[in-house]
Amino acid sequence: MGLQFLAMGDRTLAEIWSDHQRVTLCSAILSSLWAPVIYFPLNRLWEMTRTLEKS
């Protein structure tokens, strides 16, 4: 994607790299915030299914 932006010629390599770093950081932060929201309900569901299998 960076090469495509570079080929289009509307951004310099430094701007593309800066944008890439910012997007990567934002993605990591959002992933770390969403992980508990998804993990806890799924973990509870898995525990319930294990309990049902043992019964």
Protein backbone atom coordinates (compact mmCIF):
# COMPACT_ATOMS: atom_id res chain seq x y z
CA MET A 1 0.00 0.00 0.00
CA GLY A 2 2.87 2.30 0.79
CA LEU A 3 4.38 1.56 -2.60
CA GLN A 4 1.07 2.44 -4.24
CA PHE A 5 0.97 5.78 -2.44
CA LEU A 6 4.56 6.39 -3.46
CA ALA A 7 3.79 5.49 -7.09
CA MET A 8 0.84 7.89 -7.14
CA GLY A 9 3.30 10.62 -6.24
CA ASP A 10 1.06 12.66 -3.97
CA ARG A 11 3.05 11.82 -0.81
CA THR A 12 6.70 11.56 0.06
CA LEU A 13 8.17 8.41 1.53
CA ALA A 14 8.59 10.17 4.89
CA GLU A 15 4.89 11.12 4.97
CA ILE A 16 3.85 7.59 4.06
CA TRP A 17 6.09 6.14 6.79
CA SER A 18 4.75 8.62 9.35
CA ASP A 19 1.16 7.77 8.45
CA HIS A 20 1.94 4.05 8.61
CA GLN A 21 3.42 4.40 12.10
CA ARG A 22 0.39 6.35 13.31
CA VAL A 23 -2.07 3.85 11.85
CA THR A 24 -0.12 0.93 13.35
CA LEU A 25 -0.10 2.54 16.79
CA CYS A 26 -3.82 3.32 16.64
CA SER A 27 -4.57 -0.22 15.52
CA ALA A 28 -2.55 -1.69 18.40
CA ILE A 29 -4.30 0.54 20.93
CA LEU A 30 -7.76 -0.29 19.61
CA SER A 31 -6.96 -4.01 19.55
CA SER A 32 -5.78 -3.92 23.14
CA LEU A 33 -8.95 -2.12 24.19
CA TRP A 34 -11.28 -4.50 22.35
CA ALA A 35 -9.54 -7.70 23.47
CA PRO A 36 -11.08 -7.81 26.98
CA VAL A 37 -14.52 -6.94 25.60
CA ILE A 38 -14.39 -9.98 23.35
CA TYR A 39 -12.38 -12.30 25.60
CA PHE A 40 -14.56 -12.25 28.74
CA PRO A 41 -17.90 -13.18 27.12
CA LEU A 42 -16.22 -15.85 25.00
CA ASN A 43 -14.36 -17.25 27.98
CA ARG A 44 -17.61 -17.42 29.94
CA LEU A 45 -19.31 -19.18 27.05
CA TRP A 46 -16.45 -21.70 26.79
CA GLU A 47 -16.64 -22.39 30.53
CA MET A 48 -20.40 -22.94 30.28
CA THR A 49 -19.98 -25.37 27.38
CA ARG A 50 -17.28 -27.29 29.28
CA THR A 51 -19.58 -27.51 32.29
CA LEU A 52 -22.41 -28.81 30.09
CA GLU A 53 -20.11 -31.41 28.50
CA LYS A 54 -19.08 -32.72 31.94
CA SER A 55 -22.72 -33.10 33.04
